[in-house]
């Protein structure tokens, strides 16, 4: 789990913040999703995972978020396309 946490910790400060989430999402979706939507997804993910409301996700919060999920399944990004 720590390895996956560090993948999301883009700035290597042992916390995952909004900037980290936006950077990872942009790497995952490239130009297929506009910046506003990426930012909204990142904000929602942070809000859902940041249990103590300090604006960042620490390792314990990260682990708690994945405690009852299949890691392979949870790494998939789901978004709709109105093509």
PDB file of N, CA and C in Angstrom:
ATOM      1  N   UNK A   1       0.822  -1.200   0.000  1.00  0.00           N
ATOM      2  CA  UNK A   1       0.000   0.000   0.000  1.00  0.00           C
ATOM      3  C   UNK A   1       0.864   1.262   0.000  1.00  0.00           C
ATOM      4  N   UNK A   2       1.988   1.204   0.698  1.00  0.00           N
ATOM      5  CA  UNK A   2       2.837   2.395   0.758  1.00  0.00           C
ATOM      6  C   UNK A   2       3.366   2.757  -0.628  1.00  0.00           C
ATOM      7  N   UNK A   3       3.690   1.751  -1.428  1.00  0.00           N
ATOM      8  CA  UNK A   3       4.147   2.011  -2.791  1.00  0.00           C
ATOM      9  C   UNK A   3       3.077   2.763  -3.577  1.00  0.00           C
ATOM     10  N   UNK A   4       1.839   2.327  -3.500  1.00  0.00           N
ATOM     11  CA  UNK A   4       0.748   2.986  -4.224  1.00  0.00           C
ATOM     12  C   UNK A   4       0.553   4.401  -3.679  1.00  0.00           C
ATOM     13  N   UNK A   5       0.619   4.554  -2.369  1.00  0.00           N
ATOM     14  CA  UNK A   5       0.518   5.882  -1.754  1.00  0.00           C
ATOM     15  C   UNK A   5       1.587   6.817  -2.322  1.00  0.00           C
ATOM     16  N   UNK A   6       2.818   6.338  -2.418  1.00  0.00           N
ATOM     17  CA  UNK A   6       3.913   7.165  -2.916  1.00  0.00           C
ATOM     18  C   UNK A   6       3.748   7.508  -4.391  1.00  0.00           C
ATOM     19  N   UNK A   7       3.067   6.661  -5.149  1.00  0.00           N
ATOM     20  CA  UNK A   7       2.775   6.994  -6.542  1.00  0.00           C
ATOM     21  C   UNK A   7       1.884   8.234  -6.601  1.00  0.00           C
ATOM     22  N   UNK A   8       0.906   8.312  -5.715  1.00  0.00           N
ATOM     23  CA  UNK A   8      -0.002   9.455  -5.665  1.00  0.00           C
ATOM     24  C   UNK A   8       0.654  10.689  -5.041  1.00  0.00           C
ATOM     25  N   UNK A   9       1.667  10.500  -4.230  1.00  0.00           N
ATOM     26  CA  UNK A   9       2.373  11.601  -3.558  1.00  0.00           C
ATOM     27  C   UNK A   9       3.406  12.202  -4.513  1.00  0.00           C
ATOM     28  N   UNK A  10       2.938  12.927  -5.496  1.00  0.00           N
ATOM     29  CA  UNK A  10       3.777  13.442  -6.575  1.00  0.00           C
ATOM     30  C   UNK A  10       4.898  14.339  -6.050  1.00  0.00           C
ATOM     31  N   UNK A  11       4.605  15.201  -5.082  1.00  0.00           N
ATOM     32  CA  UNK A  11       5.616  16.129  -4.585  1.00  0.00           C
ATOM     33  C   UNK A  11       6.468  15.550  -3.448  1.00  0.00           C
ATOM     34  N   UNK A  12       6.245  14.288  -3.136  1.00  0.00           N
ATOM     35  CA  UNK A  12       7.077  13.531  -2.187  1.00  0.00           C
ATOM     36  C   UNK A  12       7.161  14.157  -0.792  1.00  0.00           C
ATOM     37  N   UNK A  13       6.011  14.646  -0.292  1.00  0.00           N
ATOM     38  CA  UNK A  13       5.993  15.227   1.053  1.00  0.00           C
ATOM     39  C   UNK A  13       5.281  14.330   2.069  1.00  0.00           C
ATOM     40  N   UNK A  14       5.043  13.076   1.702  1.00  0.00           N
ATOM     41  CA  UNK A  14       4.353  12.090   2.540  1.00  0.00           C
ATOM     42  C   UNK A  14       2.903  12.453   2.838  1.00  0.00           C
ATOM     43  N   UNK A  15       2.322  13.270   1.985  1.00  0.00           N
ATOM     44  CA  UNK A  15       0.909  13.621   2.036  1.00  0.00           C
ATOM     45  C   UNK A  15       0.412  13.727   0.606  1.00  0.00           C
ATOM     46  N   UNK A  16      -0.858  13.474   0.415  1.00  0.00           N
ATOM     47  CA  UNK A  16      -1.457  13.642  -0.903  1.00  0.00           C
ATOM     48  C   UNK A  16      -2.385  14.846  -0.812  1.00  0.00           C
ATOM     49  N   UNK A  17      -2.074  15.862  -1.603  1.00  0.00           N
ATOM     50  CA  UNK A  17      -2.904  17.061  -1.596  1.00  0.00           C
ATOM     51  C   UNK A  17      -3.618  17.199  -2.938  1.00  0.00           C
ATOM     52  N   UNK A  18      -4.362  18.271  -3.079  1.00  0.00           N
ATOM     53  CA  UNK A  18      -5.129  18.477  -4.297  1.00  0.00           C
ATOM     54  C   UNK A  18      -4.224  18.520  -5.525  1.00  0.00           C
ATOM     55  N   UNK A  19      -3.086  19.160  -5.408  1.00  0.00           N
ATOM     56  CA  UNK A  19      -2.149  19.236  -6.529  1.00  0.00           C
ATOM     57  C   UNK A  19      -1.653  17.868  -6.960  1.00  0.00           C
ATOM     58  N   UNK A  20      -1.373  17.004  -5.979  1.00  0.00           N
ATOM     59  CA  UNK A  20      -0.955  15.634  -6.294  1.00  0.00           C
ATOM     60  C   UNK A  20      -2.049  14.899  -7.059  1.00  0.00           C
ATOM     61  N   UNK A  21      -3.278  15.014  -6.574  1.00  0.00           N
ATOM     62  CA  UNK A  21      -4.389  14.311  -7.221  1.00  0.00           C
ATOM     63  C   UNK A  21      -4.619  14.818  -8.640  1.00  0.00           C
ATOM     64  N   UNK A  22      -4.559  16.136  -8.827  1.00  0.00           N
ATOM     65  CA  UNK A  22      -4.743  16.703 -10.165  1.00  0.00           C
ATOM     66  C   UNK A  22      -3.637  16.204 -11.094  1.00  0.00           C
ATOM     67  N   UNK A  23      -2.398  16.209 -10.616  1.00  0.00           N
ATOM     68  CA  UNK A  23      -1.271  15.759 -11.446  1.00  0.00           C
ATOM     69  C   UNK A  23      -1.435  14.302 -11.870  1.00  0.00           C
ATOM     70  N   UNK A  24      -1.803  13.442 -10.927  1.00  0.00           N
ATOM     71  CA  UNK A  24      -1.989  12.016 -11.238  1.00  0.00           C
ATOM     72  C   UNK A  24      -3.134  11.831 -12.229  1.00  0.00           C
ATOM     73  N   UNK A  25      -4.242  12.509 -11.984  1.00  0.00           N
ATOM     74  CA  UNK A  25      -5.377  12.383 -12.902  1.00  0.00           C
ATOM     75  C   UNK A  25      -5.021  12.854 -14.302  1.00  0.00           C
ATOM     76  N   UNK A  26      -4.289  13.958 -14.413  1.00  0.00           N
ATOM     77  CA  UNK A  26      -3.884  14.443 -15.733  1.00  0.00           C
ATOM     78  C   UNK A  26      -2.985  13.421 -16.430  1.00  0.00           C
ATOM     79  N   UNK A  27      -2.109  12.766 -15.669  1.00  0.00           N
ATOM     80  CA  UNK A  27      -1.265  11.727 -16.265  1.00  0.00           C
ATOM     81  C   UNK A  27      -2.118  10.563 -16.760  1.00  0.00           C
ATOM     82  N   UNK A  28      -3.182  10.256 -16.030  1.00  0.00           N
ATOM     83  CA  UNK A  28      -4.014   9.112 -16.365  1.00  0.00           C
ATOM     84  C   UNK A  28      -4.936   9.387 -17.547  1.00  0.00           C
ATOM     85  N   UNK A  29      -5.472  10.593 -17.634  1.00  0.00           N
ATOM     86  CA  UNK A  29      -6.477  10.869 -18.665  1.00  0.00           C
ATOM     87  C   UNK A  29      -5.968  11.766 -19.779  1.00  0.00           C
ATOM     88  N   UNK A  30      -4.798  12.358 -19.608  1.00  0.00           N
ATOM     89  CA  UNK A  30      -4.238  13.214 -20.652  1.00  0.00           C
ATOM     90  C   UNK A  30      -5.172  14.340 -21.022  1.00  0.00           C
ATOM     91  N   UNK A  31      -5.362  14.533 -22.300  1.00  0.00           N
ATOM     92  CA  UNK A  31      -6.228  15.604 -22.786  1.00  0.00           C
ATOM     93  C   UNK A  31      -7.649  15.132 -23.074  1.00  0.00           C
ATOM     94  N   UNK A  32      -7.971  13.915 -22.669  1.00  0.00           N
ATOM     95  CA  UNK A  32      -9.301  13.379 -22.934  1.00  0.00           C
ATOM     96  C   UNK A  32     -10.367  13.957 -22.012  1.00  0.00           C
ATOM     97  N   UNK A  33      -9.933  14.516 -20.890  1.00  0.00           N
ATOM     98  CA  UNK A  33     -10.858  15.129 -19.932  1.00  0.00           C
ATOM     99  C   UNK A  33     -10.373  16.550 -19.693  1.00  0.00           C
ATOM    100  N   UNK A  34     -11.287  17.515 -19.731  1.00  0.00           N
ATOM    101  CA  UNK A  34     -10.875  18.911 -19.576  1.00  0.00           C
ATOM    102  C   UNK A  34     -10.411  19.188 -18.138  1.00  0.00           C
ATOM    103  N   UNK A  35      -9.621  20.237 -17.997  1.00  0.00           N
ATOM    104  CA  UNK A  35      -8.999  20.570 -16.712  1.00  0.00           C
ATOM    105  C   UNK A  35     -10.016  20.810 -15.611  1.00  0.00           C
ATOM    106  N   UNK A  36     -11.128  21.449 -15.922  1.00  0.00           N
ATOM    107  CA  UNK A  36     -12.145  21.717 -14.913  1.00  0.00           C
ATOM    108  C   UNK A  36     -12.706  20.416 -14.352  1.00  0.00           C
ATOM    109  N   UNK A  37     -13.000  19.467 -15.219  1.00  0.00           N
ATOM    110  CA  UNK A  37     -13.533  18.181 -14.762  1.00  0.00           C
ATOM    111  C   UNK A  37     -12.495  17.424 -13.931  1.00  0.00           C
ATOM    112  N   UNK A  38     -11.243  17.449 -14.366  1.00  0.00           N
ATOM    113  CA  UNK A  38     -10.166  16.799 -13.599  1.00  0.00           C
ATOM    114  C   UNK A  38     -10.077  17.416 -12.207  1.00  0.00           C
ATOM    115  N   UNK A  39     -10.141  18.731 -12.135  1.00  0.00           N
ATOM    116  CA  UNK A  39     -10.059  19.417 -10.844  1.00  0.00           C
ATOM    117  C   UNK A  39     -11.232  19.035  -9.951  1.00  0.00           C
ATOM    118  N   UNK A  40     -12.415  18.954 -10.513  1.00  0.00           N
ATOM    119  CA  UNK A  40     -13.601  18.568  -9.732  1.00  0.00           C
ATOM    120  C   UNK A  40     -13.491  17.132  -9.223  1.00  0.00           C
ATOM    121  N   UNK A  41     -12.990  16.236 -10.054  1.00  0.00           N
ATOM    122  CA  UNK A  41     -12.802  14.848  -9.629  1.00  0.00           C
ATOM    123  C   UNK A  41     -11.791  14.786  -8.487  1.00  0.00           C
ATOM    124  N   UNK A  42     -10.708  15.543  -8.610  1.00  0.00           N
ATOM    125  CA  UNK A  42      -9.683  15.569  -7.567  1.00  0.00           C
ATOM    126  C   UNK A  42     -10.252  16.135  -6.264  1.00  0.00           C
ATOM    127  N   UNK A  43     -11.018  17.212  -6.360  1.00  0.00           N
ATOM    128  CA  UNK A  43     -11.627  17.802  -5.166  1.00  0.00           C
ATOM    129  C   UNK A  43     -12.560  16.814  -4.473  1.00  0.00           C
ATOM    130  N   UNK A  44     -13.371  16.124  -5.254  1.00  0.00           N
ATOM    131  CA  UNK A  44     -14.304  15.154  -4.684  1.00  0.00           C
ATOM    132  C   UNK A  44     -13.556  13.993  -4.031  1.00  0.00           C
ATOM    133  N   UNK A  45     -12.496  13.522  -4.679  1.00  0.00           N
ATOM    134  CA  UNK A  45     -11.700  12.434  -4.118  1.00  0.00           C
ATOM    135  C   UNK A  45     -11.051  12.854  -2.799  1.00  0.00           C
ATOM    136  N   UNK A  46     -10.531  14.074  -2.766  1.00  0.00           N
ATOM    137  CA  UNK A  46      -9.915  14.579  -1.537  1.00  0.00           C
ATOM    138  C   UNK A  46     -10.951  14.685  -0.427  1.00  0.00           C
ATOM    139  N   UNK A  47     -12.099  15.252  -0.740  1.00  0.00           N
ATOM    140  CA  UNK A  47     -13.158  15.414   0.262  1.00  0.00           C
ATOM    141  C   UNK A  47     -13.620  14.076   0.830  1.00  0.00           C
ATOM    142  N   UNK A  48     -13.748  13.071  -0.025  1.00  0.00           N
ATOM    143  CA  UNK A  48     -14.217  11.756   0.416  1.00  0.00           C
ATOM    144  C   UNK A  48     -13.185  11.014   1.260  1.00  0.00           C
ATOM    145  N   UNK A  49     -11.914  11.271   1.031  1.00  0.00           N
ATOM    146  CA  UNK A  49     -10.846  10.501   1.678  1.00  0.00           C
ATOM    147  C   UNK A  49     -10.261  11.201   2.895  1.00  0.00           C
ATOM    148  N   UNK A  50     -10.279  12.532   2.913  1.00  0.00           N
ATOM    149  CA  UNK A  50      -9.692  13.334   3.992  1.00  0.00           C
ATOM    150  C   UNK A  50     -10.631  13.352   5.195  1.00  0.00           C
ATOM    151  N   UNK A  51     -10.525  12.356   6.038  1.00  0.00           N
ATOM    152  CA  UNK A  51     -11.458  12.184   7.162  1.00  0.00           C
ATOM    153  C   UNK A  51     -11.308  13.236   8.249  1.00  0.00           C
ATOM    154  N   UNK A  52     -10.110  13.800   8.452  1.00  0.00           N
ATOM    155  CA  UNK A  52      -9.936  14.801   9.501  1.00  0.00           C
ATOM    156  C   UNK A  52     -10.017  16.234   8.964  1.00  0.00           C
ATOM    157  N   UNK A  53     -10.370  16.370   7.693  1.00  0.00           N
ATOM    158  CA  UNK A  53     -10.604  17.671   7.053  1.00  0.00           C
ATOM    159  C   UNK A  53      -9.436  18.646   7.175  1.00  0.00           C
ATOM    160  N   UNK A  54      -8.216  18.128   7.041  1.00  0.00           N
ATOM    161  CA  UNK A  54      -7.054  19.019   7.094  1.00  0.00           C
ATOM    162  C   UNK A  54      -6.541  19.394   5.706  1.00  0.00           C
ATOM    163  N   UNK A  55      -7.256  18.971   4.668  1.00  0.00           N
ATOM    164  CA  UNK A  55      -6.903  19.356   3.311  1.00  0.00           C
ATOM    165  C   UNK A  55      -5.899  18.455   2.621  1.00  0.00           C
ATOM    166  N   UNK A  56      -5.475  17.401   3.292  1.00  0.00           N
ATOM    167  CA  UNK A  56      -4.532  16.442   2.708  1.00  0.00           C
ATOM    168  C   UNK A  56      -4.927  15.031   3.113  1.00  0.00           C
ATOM    169  N   UNK A  57      -4.394  14.065   2.383  1.00  0.00           N
ATOM    170  CA  UNK A  57      -4.625  12.653   2.695  1.00  0.00           C
ATOM    171  C   UNK A  57      -3.313  12.089   3.201  1.00  0.00           C
ATOM    172  N   UNK A  58      -3.332  11.627   4.442  1.00  0.00           N
ATOM    173  CA  UNK A  58      -2.132  10.979   4.979  1.00  0.00           C
ATOM    174  C   UNK A  58      -2.214   9.475   4.695  1.00  0.00           C
ATOM    175  N   UNK A  59      -1.161   8.769   5.046  1.00  0.00           N
ATOM    176  CA  UNK A  59      -1.099   7.341   4.720  1.00  0.00           C
ATOM    177  C   UNK A  59      -2.231   6.558   5.385  1.00  0.00           C
ATOM    178  N   UNK A  60      -2.566   6.872   6.634  1.00  0.00           N
ATOM    179  CA  UNK A  60      -3.654   6.162   7.314  1.00  0.00           C
ATOM    180  C   UNK A  60      -4.994   6.379   6.621  1.00  0.00           C
ATOM    181  N   UNK A  61      -5.268   7.618   6.215  1.00  0.00           N
ATOM    182  CA  UNK A  61      -6.515   7.900   5.501  1.00  0.00           C
ATOM    183  C   UNK A  61      -6.536   7.179   4.157  1.00  0.00           C
ATOM    184  N   UNK A  62      -5.394   7.153   3.495  1.00  0.00           N
ATOM    185  CA  UNK A  62      -5.275   6.460   2.217  1.00  0.00           C
ATOM    186  C   UNK A  62      -5.585   4.975   2.383  1.00  0.00           C
ATOM    187  N   UNK A  63      -4.991   4.365   3.405  1.00  0.00           N
ATOM    188  CA  UNK A  63      -5.237   2.937   3.666  1.00  0.00           C
ATOM    189  C   UNK A  63      -6.697   2.681   4.014  1.00  0.00           C
ATOM    190  N   UNK A  64      -7.282   3.559   4.819  1.00  0.00           N
ATOM    191  CA  UNK A  64      -8.690   3.409   5.185  1.00  0.00           C
ATOM    192  C   UNK A  64      -9.593   3.451   3.971  1.00  0.00           C
ATOM    193  N   UNK A  65      -9.255   4.301   3.017  1.00  0.00           N
ATOM    194  CA  UNK A  65     -10.069   4.429   1.809  1.00  0.00           C
ATOM    195  C   UNK A  65     -10.069   3.150   0.991  1.00  0.00           C
ATOM    196  N   UNK A  66      -8.972   2.399   1.052  1.00  0.00           N
ATOM    197  CA  UNK A  66      -8.845   1.177   0.268  1.00  0.00           C
ATOM    198  C   UNK A  66      -9.073  -0.098   1.075  1.00  0.00           C
ATOM    199  N   UNK A  67      -9.393   0.039   2.333  1.00  0.00           N
ATOM    200  CA  UNK A  67      -9.488  -1.121   3.226  1.00  0.00           C
ATOM    201  C   UNK A  67     -10.482  -2.173   2.742  1.00  0.00           C
ATOM    202  N   UNK A  68     -11.574  -1.749   2.176  1.00  0.00           N
ATOM    203  CA  UNK A  68     -12.615  -2.695   1.772  1.00  0.00           C
ATOM    204  C   UNK A  68     -12.772  -2.773   0.264  1.00  0.00           C
ATOM    205  N   UNK A  69     -11.719  -2.366  -0.461  1.00  0.00           N
ATOM    206  CA  UNK A  69     -11.796  -2.374  -1.913  1.00  0.00           C
ATOM    207  C   UNK A  69     -10.725  -3.275  -2.497  1.00  0.00           C
ATOM    208  N   UNK A  70     -11.019  -3.783  -3.651  1.00  0.00           N
ATOM    209  CA  UNK A  70     -10.052  -4.539  -4.432  1.00  0.00           C
ATOM    210  C   UNK A  70      -9.116  -3.528  -5.081  1.00  0.00           C
ATOM    211  N   UNK A  71      -7.826  -3.590  -4.787  1.00  0.00           N
ATOM    212  CA  UNK A  71      -6.869  -2.604  -5.282  1.00  0.00           C
ATOM    213  C   UNK A  71      -6.888  -2.515  -6.804  1.00  0.00           C
ATOM    214  N   UNK A  72      -6.918  -3.637  -7.496  1.00  0.00           N
ATOM    215  CA  UNK A  72      -6.944  -3.596  -8.958  1.00  0.00           C
ATOM    216  C   UNK A  72      -8.155  -2.824  -9.461  1.00  0.00           C
ATOM    217  N   UNK A  73      -9.297  -3.056  -8.850  1.00  0.00           N
ATOM    218  CA  UNK A  73     -10.527  -2.392  -9.264  1.00  0.00           C
ATOM    219  C   UNK A  73     -10.498  -0.907  -8.900  1.00  0.00           C
ATOM    220  N   UNK A  74      -9.934  -0.579  -7.752  1.00  0.00           N
ATOM    221  CA  UNK A  74      -9.950   0.808  -7.291  1.00  0.00           C
ATOM    222  C   UNK A  74      -9.002   1.704  -8.061  1.00  0.00           C
ATOM    223  N   UNK A  75      -8.079   1.157  -8.799  1.00  0.00           N
ATOM    224  CA  UNK A  75      -7.141   1.967  -9.566  1.00  0.00           C
ATOM    225  C   UNK A  75      -7.704   2.401 -10.909  1.00  0.00           C
ATOM    226  N   UNK A  76      -8.887   1.945 -11.245  1.00  0.00           N
ATOM    227  CA  UNK A  76      -9.500   2.315 -12.512  1.00  0.00           C
ATOM    228  C   UNK A  76     -10.209   3.656 -12.375  1.00  0.00           C
ATOM    229  N   UNK A  77     -10.096   4.468 -13.397  1.00  0.00           N
ATOM    230  CA  UNK A  77     -10.773   5.745 -13.431  1.00  0.00           C
ATOM    231  C   UNK A  77     -11.992   5.599 -14.322  1.00  0.00           C
ATOM    232  N   UNK A  78     -13.134   5.973 -13.781  1.00  0.00           N
ATOM    233  CA  UNK A  78     -14.376   5.884 -14.540  1.00  0.00           C
ATOM    234  C   UNK A  78     -14.836   7.294 -14.877  1.00  0.00           C
ATOM    235  N   UNK A  79     -15.055   7.551 -16.141  1.00  0.00           N
ATOM    236  CA  UNK A  79     -15.609   8.826 -16.545  1.00  0.00           C
ATOM    237  C   UNK A  79     -16.456   8.607 -17.785  1.00  0.00           C
ATOM    238  N   UNK A  80     -17.432   9.468 -17.944  1.00  0.00           N
ATOM    239  CA  UNK A  80     -18.337   9.307 -19.088  1.00  0.00           C
ATOM    240  C   UNK A  80     -17.904  10.240 -20.209  1.00  0.00           C
ATOM    241  N   UNK A  81     -18.171   9.820 -21.374  1.00  0.00           N
ATOM    242  CA  UNK A  81     -17.833  10.599 -22.559  1.00  0.00           C
ATOM    243  C   UNK A  81     -19.086  10.789 -23.390  1.00  0.00           C
ATOM    244  N   UNK A  82     -19.412  12.018 -23.681  1.00  0.00           N
ATOM    245  CA  UNK A  82     -20.569  12.276 -24.550  1.00  0.00           C
ATOM    246  C   UNK A  82     -20.068  12.537 -25.961  1.00  0.00           C
ATOM    247  N   UNK A  83     -19.495  11.469 -26.542  1.00  0.00           N
ATOM    248  CA  UNK A  83     -18.897  11.572 -27.880  1.00  0.00           C
ATOM    249  C   UNK A  83     -19.932  11.462 -28.972  1.00  0.00           C
TER     250      UNK A  83
END
